[in-house]
Amino acid sequence: LIDLSLRMAGLGWRNVLCETAFVACRDEGRPADGDLDALAARWPAWHARLAGFLMEDALREERAQLQRLHDGLPPPNPQRPLFAGMDR
């Protein structure tokens, strides 16, 4: 998503924050080997932009609270019922 976001910004699009929407995934945001090097080569100013965003993070407390709530959830049930309401 980083590369797509930077490509769209290069075309004049704008990334905005929607305070009423949140998308979360446990594994999202973990770069694969070589991803950060590829981003740095393609988008040399990306690290500075990222550092600026992190330093000015207006939602730091909200994200920390959300992370605490997420961490407190029980693990997903790998054997959940196939059909809702048919727990036998």
PDB file of N, CA and C in Angstrom:
ATOM      1  N   LEU A   1       0.803  -1.200   0.000  1.00  0.00           N
ATOM      2  CA  LEU A   1       0.000   0.000   0.000  1.00  0.00           C
ATOM      3  C   LEU A   1       0.848   1.267   0.000  1.00  0.00           C
ATOM      4  N   ILE A   2       2.055   1.185   0.531  1.00  0.00           N
ATOM      5  CA  ILE A   2       2.922   2.364   0.568  1.00  0.00           C
ATOM      6  C   ILE A   2       3.231   2.819  -0.853  1.00  0.00           C
ATOM      7  N   ASP A   3       3.640   1.876  -1.686  1.00  0.00           N
ATOM      8  CA  ASP A   3       3.998   2.223  -3.062  1.00  0.00           C
ATOM      9  C   ASP A   3       2.795   2.797  -3.800  1.00  0.00           C
ATOM     10  N   LEU A   4       1.637   2.175  -3.648  1.00  0.00           N
ATOM     11  CA  LEU A   4       0.423   2.669  -4.302  1.00  0.00           C
ATOM     12  C   LEU A   4       0.093   4.079  -3.825  1.00  0.00           C
ATOM     13  N   SER A   5       0.176   4.298  -2.534  1.00  0.00           N
ATOM     14  CA  SER A   5      -0.107   5.616  -1.976  1.00  0.00           C
ATOM     15  C   SER A   5       0.839   6.671  -2.542  1.00  0.00           C
ATOM     16  N   LEU A   6       2.116   6.343  -2.631  1.00  0.00           N
ATOM     17  CA  LEU A   6       3.088   7.295  -3.169  1.00  0.00           C
ATOM     18  C   LEU A   6       2.875   7.535  -4.664  1.00  0.00           C
ATOM     19  N   ARG A   7       2.476   6.500  -5.392  1.00  0.00           N
ATOM     20  CA  ARG A   7       2.174   6.677  -6.819  1.00  0.00           C
ATOM     21  C   ARG A   7       0.977   7.609  -7.009  1.00  0.00           C
ATOM     22  N   MET A   8      -0.056   7.394  -6.197  1.00  0.00           N
ATOM     23  CA  MET A   8      -1.243   8.244  -6.297  1.00  0.00           C
ATOM     24  C   MET A   8      -0.905   9.692  -5.938  1.00  0.00           C
ATOM     25  N   ALA A   9      -0.074   9.885  -4.923  1.00  0.00           N
ATOM     26  CA  ALA A   9       0.351  11.241  -4.554  1.00  0.00           C
ATOM     27  C   ALA A   9       1.123  11.880  -5.703  1.00  0.00           C
ATOM     28  N   GLY A  10       1.918  11.089  -6.401  1.00  0.00           N
ATOM     29  CA  GLY A  10       2.659  11.600  -7.545  1.00  0.00           C
ATOM     30  C   GLY A  10       1.756  12.027  -8.688  1.00  0.00           C
ATOM     31  N   LEU A  11       0.559  11.460  -8.741  1.00  0.00           N
ATOM     32  CA  LEU A  11      -0.417  11.828  -9.770  1.00  0.00           C
ATOM     33  C   LEU A  11      -1.332  12.964  -9.315  1.00  0.00           C
ATOM     34  N   GLY A  12      -1.044  13.507  -8.127  1.00  0.00           N
ATOM     35  CA  GLY A  12      -1.845  14.624  -7.637  1.00  0.00           C
ATOM     36  C   GLY A  12      -2.926  14.238  -6.654  1.00  0.00           C
ATOM     37  N   TRP A  13      -3.090  12.957  -6.382  1.00  0.00           N
ATOM     38  CA  TRP A  13      -4.078  12.529  -5.401  1.00  0.00           C
ATOM     39  C   TRP A  13      -3.561  12.877  -4.016  1.00  0.00           C
ATOM     40  N   ARG A  14      -4.435  12.807  -3.052  1.00  0.00           N
ATOM     41  CA  ARG A  14      -4.087  13.199  -1.701  1.00  0.00           C
ATOM     42  C   ARG A  14      -4.520  12.112  -0.733  1.00  0.00           C
ATOM     43  N   ASN A  15      -3.666  11.770   0.201  1.00  0.00           N
ATOM     44  CA  ASN A  15      -4.028  10.846   1.268  1.00  0.00           C
ATOM     45  C   ASN A  15      -4.682  11.652   2.374  1.00  0.00           C
ATOM     46  N   VAL A  16      -5.832  11.196   2.834  1.00  0.00           N
ATOM     47  CA  VAL A  16      -6.523  11.902   3.909  1.00  0.00           C
ATOM     48  C   VAL A  16      -6.843  10.928   5.027  1.00  0.00           C
ATOM     49  N   LEU A  17      -7.033  11.460   6.181  1.00  0.00           N
ATOM     50  CA  LEU A  17      -7.374  10.670   7.352  1.00  0.00           C
ATOM     51  C   LEU A  17      -8.867  10.780   7.587  1.00  0.00           C
ATOM     52  N   CYS A  18      -9.539   9.666   7.653  1.00  0.00           N
ATOM     53  CA  CYS A  18     -10.968   9.645   7.954  1.00  0.00           C
ATOM     54  C   CYS A  18     -11.109   9.236   9.411  1.00  0.00           C
ATOM     55  N   GLU A  19     -11.546  10.156  10.247  1.00  0.00           N
ATOM     56  CA  GLU A  19     -11.586   9.886  11.686  1.00  0.00           C
ATOM     57  C   GLU A  19     -12.686   8.915  12.079  1.00  0.00           C
ATOM     58  N   THR A  20     -13.591   8.571  11.164  1.00  0.00           N
ATOM     59  CA  THR A  20     -14.665   7.646  11.502  1.00  0.00           C
ATOM     60  C   THR A  20     -14.460   6.262  10.899  1.00  0.00           C
ATOM     61  N   ALA A  21     -13.317   6.022  10.294  1.00  0.00           N
ATOM     62  CA  ALA A  21     -13.053   4.718   9.692  1.00  0.00           C
ATOM     63  C   ALA A  21     -11.704   4.198  10.161  1.00  0.00           C
ATOM     64  N   PHE A  22     -11.638   2.891  10.361  1.00  0.00           N
ATOM     65  CA  PHE A  22     -10.373   2.270  10.725  1.00  0.00           C
ATOM     66  C   PHE A  22     -10.341   0.873  10.137  1.00  0.00           C
ATOM     67  N   VAL A  23      -9.237   0.528   9.546  1.00  0.00           N
ATOM     68  CA  VAL A  23      -9.043  -0.804   8.990  1.00  0.00           C
ATOM     69  C   VAL A  23      -7.844  -1.407   9.697  1.00  0.00           C
ATOM     70  N   ALA A  24      -8.015  -2.605  10.226  1.00  0.00           N
ATOM     71  CA  ALA A  24      -6.916  -3.235  10.955  1.00  0.00           C
ATOM     72  C   ALA A  24      -6.754  -4.681  10.516  1.00  0.00           C
ATOM     73  N   CYS A  25      -5.529  -5.104  10.508  1.00  0.00           N
ATOM     74  CA  CYS A  25      -5.187  -6.489  10.212  1.00  0.00           C
ATOM     75  C   CYS A  25      -3.902  -6.797  10.959  1.00  0.00           C
ATOM     76  N   ARG A  26      -3.857  -7.901  11.671  1.00  0.00           N
ATOM     77  CA  ARG A  26      -2.672  -8.231  12.462  1.00  0.00           C
ATOM     78  C   ARG A  26      -1.397  -8.232  11.637  1.00  0.00           C
ATOM     79  N   ASP A  27      -1.449  -8.750  10.431  1.00  0.00           N
ATOM     80  CA  ASP A  27      -0.238  -8.914   9.630  1.00  0.00           C
ATOM     81  C   ASP A  27       0.017  -7.771   8.660  1.00  0.00           C
ATOM     82  N   GLU A  28      -0.897  -6.838   8.535  1.00  0.00           N
ATOM     83  CA  GLU A  28      -0.698  -5.715   7.615  1.00  0.00           C
ATOM     84  C   GLU A  28       0.417  -4.816   8.122  1.00  0.00           C
ATOM     85  N   GLY A  29       1.185  -4.312   7.212  1.00  0.00           N
ATOM     86  CA  GLY A  29       2.226  -3.364   7.576  1.00  0.00           C
ATOM     87  C   GLY A  29       3.576  -3.969   7.866  1.00  0.00           C
ATOM     88  N   ARG A  30       3.704  -5.257   7.723  1.00  0.00           N
ATOM     89  CA  ARG A  30       5.000  -5.898   7.936  1.00  0.00           C
ATOM     90  C   ARG A  30       5.682  -6.076   6.589  1.00  0.00           C
ATOM     91  N   PRO A  31       6.734  -5.317   6.346  1.00  0.00           N
ATOM     92  CA  PRO A  31       7.393  -5.417   5.038  1.00  0.00           C
ATOM     93  C   PRO A  31       8.143  -6.735   4.876  1.00  0.00           C
ATOM     94  N   ALA A  32       8.160  -7.218   3.664  1.00  0.00           N
ATOM     95  CA  ALA A  32       8.935  -8.417   3.339  1.00  0.00           C
ATOM     96  C   ALA A  32      10.392  -8.009   3.137  1.00  0.00           C
ATOM     97  N   ASP A  33      11.268  -8.982   3.097  1.00  0.00           N
ATOM     98  CA  ASP A  33      12.685  -8.700   2.871  1.00  0.00           C
ATOM     99  C   ASP A  33      12.868  -7.922   1.572  1.00  0.00           C
ATOM    100  N   GLY A  34      13.590  -6.828   1.651  1.00  0.00           N
ATOM    101  CA  GLY A  34      13.887  -6.026   0.478  1.00  0.00           C
ATOM    102  C   GLY A  34      12.870  -4.950   0.158  1.00  0.00           C
ATOM    103  N   ASP A  35      11.697  -4.990   0.795  1.00  0.00           N
ATOM    104  CA  ASP A  35      10.660  -4.001   0.499  1.00  0.00           C
ATOM    105  C   ASP A  35      11.112  -2.578   0.821  1.00  0.00           C
ATOM    106  N   LEU A  36      11.713  -2.385   1.984  1.00  0.00           N
ATOM    107  CA  LEU A  36      12.119  -1.035   2.383  1.00  0.00           C
ATOM    108  C   LEU A  36      13.235  -0.503   1.496  1.00  0.00           C
ATOM    109  N   ASP A  37      14.129  -1.378   1.064  1.00  0.00           N
ATOM    110  CA  ASP A  37      15.186  -0.956   0.138  1.00  0.00           C
ATOM    111  C   ASP A  37      14.591  -0.532  -1.205  1.00  0.00           C
ATOM    112  N   ALA A  38      13.602  -1.286  -1.678  1.00  0.00           N
ATOM    113  CA  ALA A  38      12.951  -0.947  -2.947  1.00  0.00           C
ATOM    114  C   ALA A  38      12.214   0.387  -2.839  1.00  0.00           C
ATOM    115  N   LEU A  39      11.524   0.602  -1.721  1.00  0.00           N
ATOM    116  CA  LEU A  39      10.829   1.875  -1.528  1.00  0.00           C
ATOM    117  C   LEU A  39      11.810   3.037  -1.480  1.00  0.00           C
ATOM    118  N   ALA A  40      12.929   2.855  -0.780  1.00  0.00           N
ATOM    119  CA  ALA A  40      13.936   3.918  -0.671  1.00  0.00           C
ATOM    120  C   ALA A  40      14.539   4.241  -2.037  1.00  0.00           C
ATOM    121  N   ALA A  41      14.708   3.225  -2.880  1.00  0.00           N
ATOM    122  CA  ALA A  41      15.267   3.456  -4.213  1.00  0.00           C
ATOM    123  C   ALA A  41      14.265   4.179  -5.115  1.00  0.00           C
ATOM    124  N   ARG A  42      13.010   3.774  -5.031  1.00  0.00           N
ATOM    125  CA  ARG A  42      11.985   4.361  -5.896  1.00  0.00           C
ATOM    126  C   ARG A  42      11.526   5.728  -5.394  1.00  0.00           C
ATOM    127  N   TRP A  43      11.457   5.888  -4.075  1.00  0.00           N
ATOM    128  CA  TRP A  43      10.935   7.110  -3.459  1.00  0.00           C
ATOM    129  C   TRP A  43      11.956   7.623  -2.445  1.00  0.00           C
ATOM    130  N   PRO A  44      12.997   8.317  -2.873  1.00  0.00           N
ATOM    131  CA  PRO A  44      14.076   8.746  -1.968  1.00  0.00           C
ATOM    132  C   PRO A  44      13.613   9.624  -0.805  1.00  0.00           C
ATOM    133  N   ALA A  45      12.548  10.378  -0.960  1.00  0.00           N
ATOM    134  CA  ALA A  45      12.073  11.257   0.120  1.00  0.00           C
ATOM    135  C   ALA A  45      11.127  10.548   1.082  1.00  0.00           C
ATOM    136  N   TRP A  46      10.849   9.275   0.824  1.00  0.00           N
ATOM    137  CA  TRP A  46       9.864   8.561   1.627  1.00  0.00           C
ATOM    138  C   TRP A  46      10.263   8.476   3.094  1.00  0.00           C
ATOM    139  N   HIS A  47      11.500   8.160   3.397  1.00  0.00           N
ATOM    140  CA  HIS A  47      11.907   8.035   4.799  1.00  0.00           C
ATOM    141  C   HIS A  47      11.705   9.341   5.558  1.00  0.00           C
ATOM    142  N   ALA A  48      12.037  10.459   4.932  1.00  0.00           N
ATOM    143  CA  ALA A  48      11.844  11.757   5.587  1.00  0.00           C
ATOM    144  C   ALA A  48      10.357  12.043   5.800  1.00  0.00           C
ATOM    145  N   ARG A  49       9.524  11.704   4.817  1.00  0.00           N
ATOM    146  CA  ARG A  49       8.069  11.895   4.969  1.00  0.00           C
ATOM    147  C   ARG A  49       7.525  11.031   6.089  1.00  0.00           C
ATOM    148  N   LEU A  50       7.970   9.788   6.146  1.00  0.00           N
ATOM    149  CA  LEU A  50       7.520   8.882   7.195  1.00  0.00           C
ATOM    150  C   LEU A  50       7.950   9.385   8.566  1.00  0.00           C
ATOM    151  N   ALA A  51       9.193   9.810   8.683  1.00  0.00           N
ATOM    152  CA  ALA A  51       9.691  10.331   9.960  1.00  0.00           C
ATOM    153  C   ALA A  51       8.888  11.555  10.388  1.00  0.00           C
ATOM    154  N   GLY A  52       8.592  12.441   9.459  1.00  0.00           N
ATOM    155  CA  GLY A  52       7.791  13.618   9.777  1.00  0.00           C
ATOM    156  C   GLY A  52       6.402  13.251  10.259  1.00  0.00           C
ATOM    157  N   PHE A  53       5.782  12.281   9.592  1.00  0.00           N
ATOM    158  CA  PHE A  53       4.453  11.832  10.007  1.00  0.00           C
ATOM    159  C   PHE A  53       4.487  11.237  11.409  1.00  0.00           C
ATOM    160  N   LEU A  54       5.468  10.383  11.660  1.00  0.00           N
ATOM    161  CA  LEU A  54       5.551   9.742  12.970  1.00  0.00           C
ATOM    162  C   LEU A  54       5.823  10.745  14.085  1.00  0.00           C
ATOM    163  N   MET A  55       6.642  11.733  13.808  1.00  0.00           N
ATOM    164  CA  MET A  55       6.955  12.737  14.825  1.00  0.00           C
ATOM    165  C   MET A  55       5.760  13.647  15.108  1.00  0.00           C
ATOM    166  N   GLU A  56       4.918  13.865  14.115  1.00  0.00           N
ATOM    167  CA  GLU A  56       3.764  14.748  14.265  1.00  0.00           C
ATOM    168  C   GLU A  56       2.463  13.968  14.435  1.00  0.00           C
ATOM    169  N   ASP A  57       2.543  12.709  14.769  1.00  0.00           N
ATOM    170  CA  ASP A  57       1.391  11.813  14.820  1.00  0.00           C
ATOM    171  C   ASP A  57       0.309  12.332  15.768  1.00  0.00           C
ATOM    172  N   ALA A  58      -0.741  12.864  15.197  1.00  0.00           N
ATOM    173  CA  ALA A  58      -1.832  13.425  15.993  1.00  0.00           C
ATOM    174  C   ALA A  58      -2.714  12.351  16.622  1.00  0.00           C
ATOM    175  N   LEU A  59      -2.645  11.132  16.122  1.00  0.00           N
ATOM    176  CA  LEU A  59      -3.502  10.060  16.642  1.00  0.00           C
ATOM    177  C   LEU A  59      -2.732   9.040  17.481  1.00  0.00           C
ATOM    178  N   ARG A  60      -1.589   9.406  17.987  1.00  0.00           N
ATOM    179  CA  ARG A  60      -0.755   8.472  18.741  1.00  0.00           C
ATOM    180  C   ARG A  60      -1.513   7.855  19.924  1.00  0.00           C
ATOM    181  N   GLU A  61      -2.173   8.681  20.728  1.00  0.00           N
ATOM    182  CA  GLU A  61      -2.891   8.168  21.896  1.00  0.00           C
ATOM    183  C   GLU A  61      -4.050   7.263  21.501  1.00  0.00           C
ATOM    184  N   GLU A  62      -4.785   7.650  20.475  1.00  0.00           N
ATOM    185  CA  GLU A  62      -5.907   6.825  20.025  1.00  0.00           C
ATOM    186  C   GLU A  62      -5.422   5.473  19.514  1.00  0.00           C
ATOM    187  N   ARG A  63      -4.317   5.476  18.771  1.00  0.00           N
ATOM    188  CA  ARG A  63      -3.771   4.208  18.278  1.00  0.00           C
ATOM    189  C   ARG A  63      -3.277   3.346  19.422  1.00  0.00           C
ATOM    190  N   ALA A  64      -2.662   3.951  20.425  1.00  0.00           N
ATOM    191  CA  ALA A  64      -2.181   3.194  21.581  1.00  0.00           C
ATOM    192  C   ALA A  64      -3.355   2.563  22.321  1.00  0.00           C
ATOM    193  N   GLN A  65      -4.445   3.317  22.486  1.00  0.00           N
ATOM    194  CA  GLN A  65      -5.626   2.765  23.147  1.00  0.00           C
ATOM    195  C   GLN A  65      -6.213   1.621  22.324  1.00  0.00           C
ATOM    196  N   LEU A  66      -6.303   1.804  21.023  1.00  0.00           N
ATOM    197  CA  LEU A  66      -6.816   0.753  20.151  1.00  0.00           C
ATOM    198  C   LEU A  66      -5.930  -0.487  20.218  1.00  0.00           C
ATOM    199  N   GLN A  67      -4.617  -0.299  20.258  1.00  0.00           N
ATOM    200  CA  GLN A  67      -3.696  -1.431  20.353  1.00  0.00           C
ATOM    201  C   GLN A  67      -3.884  -2.178  21.665  1.00  0.00           C
ATOM    202  N   ARG A  68      -4.073  -1.439  22.772  1.00  0.00           N
ATOM    203  CA  ARG A  68      -4.317  -2.091  24.069  1.00  0.00           C
ATOM    204  C   ARG A  68      -5.590  -2.924  24.020  1.00  0.00           C
ATOM    205  N   LEU A  69      -6.642  -2.378  23.425  1.00  0.00           N
ATOM    206  CA  LEU A  69      -7.893  -3.125  23.301  1.00  0.00           C
ATOM    207  C   LEU A  69      -7.701  -4.358  22.420  1.00  0.00           C
ATOM    208  N   HIS A  70      -6.996  -4.196  21.327  1.00  0.00           N
ATOM    209  CA  HIS A  70      -6.741  -5.312  20.410  1.00  0.00           C
ATOM    210  C   HIS A  70      -5.919  -6.397  21.098  1.00  0.00           C
ATOM    211  N   ASP A  71      -4.910  -5.988  21.852  1.00  0.00           N
ATOM    212  CA  ASP A  71      -4.068  -6.954  22.558  1.00  0.00           C
ATOM    213  C   ASP A  71      -4.848  -7.723  23.615  1.00  0.00           C
ATOM    214  N   GLY A  72      -5.921  -7.137  24.136  1.00  0.00           N
ATOM    215  CA  GLY A  72      -6.723  -7.791  25.160  1.00  0.00           C
ATOM    216  C   GLY A  72      -7.749  -8.768  24.619  1.00  0.00           C
ATOM    217  N   LEU A  73      -7.901  -8.836  23.308  1.00  0.00           N
ATOM    218  CA  LEU A  73      -8.859  -9.771  22.716  1.00  0.00           C
ATOM    219  C   LEU A  73      -8.351 -11.202  22.847  1.00  0.00           C
ATOM    220  N   PRO A  74      -9.264 -12.151  23.023  1.00  0.00           N
ATOM    221  CA  PRO A  74      -8.829 -13.550  23.045  1.00  0.00           C
ATOM    222  C   PRO A  74      -8.396 -13.973  21.644  1.00  0.00           C
ATOM    223  N   PRO A  75      -7.588 -15.020  21.554  1.00  0.00           N
ATOM    224  CA  PRO A  75      -7.181 -15.486  20.221  1.00  0.00           C
ATOM    225  C   PRO A  75      -8.405 -15.980  19.451  1.00  0.00           C
ATOM    226  N   PRO A  76      -8.369 -15.882  18.133  1.00  0.00           N
ATOM    227  CA  PRO A  76      -9.510 -16.357  17.348  1.00  0.00           C
ATOM    228  C   PRO A  76      -9.680 -17.861  17.515  1.00  0.00           C
ATOM    229  N   ASN A  77     -10.921 -18.306  17.457  1.00  0.00           N
ATOM    230  CA  ASN A  77     -11.231 -19.722  17.592  1.00  0.00           C
ATOM    231  C   ASN A  77     -11.003 -20.401  16.244  1.00  0.00           C
ATOM    232  N   PRO A  78      -9.983 -21.256  16.141  1.00  0.00           N
ATOM    233  CA  PRO A  78      -9.703 -21.894  14.848  1.00  0.00           C
ATOM    234  C   PRO A  78     -10.779 -22.894  14.436  1.00  0.00           C
ATOM    235  N   GLN A  79     -11.608 -23.319  15.386  1.00  0.00           N
ATOM    236  CA  GLN A  79     -12.651 -24.301  15.093  1.00  0.00           C
ATOM    237  C   GLN A  79     -14.034 -23.692  15.284  1.00  0.00           C
ATOM    238  N   ARG A  80     -14.212 -22.448  14.862  1.00  0.00           N
ATOM    239  CA  ARG A  80     -15.514 -21.810  15.036  1.00  0.00           C
ATOM    240  C   ARG A  80     -16.558 -22.559  14.216  1.00  0.00           C
ATOM    241  N   PRO A  81     -17.820 -22.450  14.609  1.00  0.00           N
ATOM    242  CA  PRO A  81     -18.883 -23.146  13.887  1.00  0.00           C
ATOM    243  C   PRO A  81     -18.942 -22.704  12.428  1.00  0.00           C
ATOM    244  N   LEU A  82     -19.215 -23.652  11.563  1.00  0.00           N
ATOM    245  CA  LEU A  82     -19.298 -23.349  10.142  1.00  0.00           C
ATOM    246  C   LEU A  82     -20.514 -22.485   9.832  1.00  0.00           C
ATOM    247  N   PHE A  83     -21.617 -22.752  10.508  1.00  0.00           N
ATOM    248  CA  PHE A  83     -22.841 -21.991  10.289  1.00  0.00           C
ATOM    249  C   PHE A  83     -23.237 -21.310  11.584  1.00  0.00           C
ATOM    250  N   ALA A  84     -23.499 -20.027  11.522  1.00  0.00           N
ATOM    251  CA  ALA A  84     -23.877 -19.269  12.714  1.00  0.00           C
ATOM    252  C   ALA A  84     -25.156 -19.835  13.313  1.00  0.00           C
ATOM    253  N   GLY A  85     -25.208 -19.895  14.622  1.00  0.00           N
ATOM    254  CA  GLY A  85     -26.402 -20.365  15.309  1.00  0.00           C
ATOM    255  C   GLY A  85     -26.537 -21.871  15.358  1.00  0.00           C
ATOM    256  N   MET A  86     -25.556 -22.617  14.893  1.00  0.00           N
ATOM    257  CA  MET A  86     -25.654 -24.074  14.887  1.00  0.00           C
ATOM    258  C   MET A  86     -24.630 -24.685  15.826  1.00  0.00           C
ATOM    259  N   ASP A  87     -24.393 -24.042  16.974  1.00  0.00           N
ATOM    260  CA  ASP A  87     -23.465 -24.595  17.964  1.00  0.00           C
ATOM    261  C   ASP A  87     -24.108 -25.819  18.598  1.00  0.00           C
ATOM    262  N   ARG A  88     -23.556 -26.977  18.365  1.00  0.00           N
ATOM    263  CA  ARG A  88     -24.134 -28.210  18.939  1.00  0.00           C
ATOM    264  C   ARG A  88     -23.120 -28.900  19.776  1.00  0.00           C
TER     265      ARG A  88
END
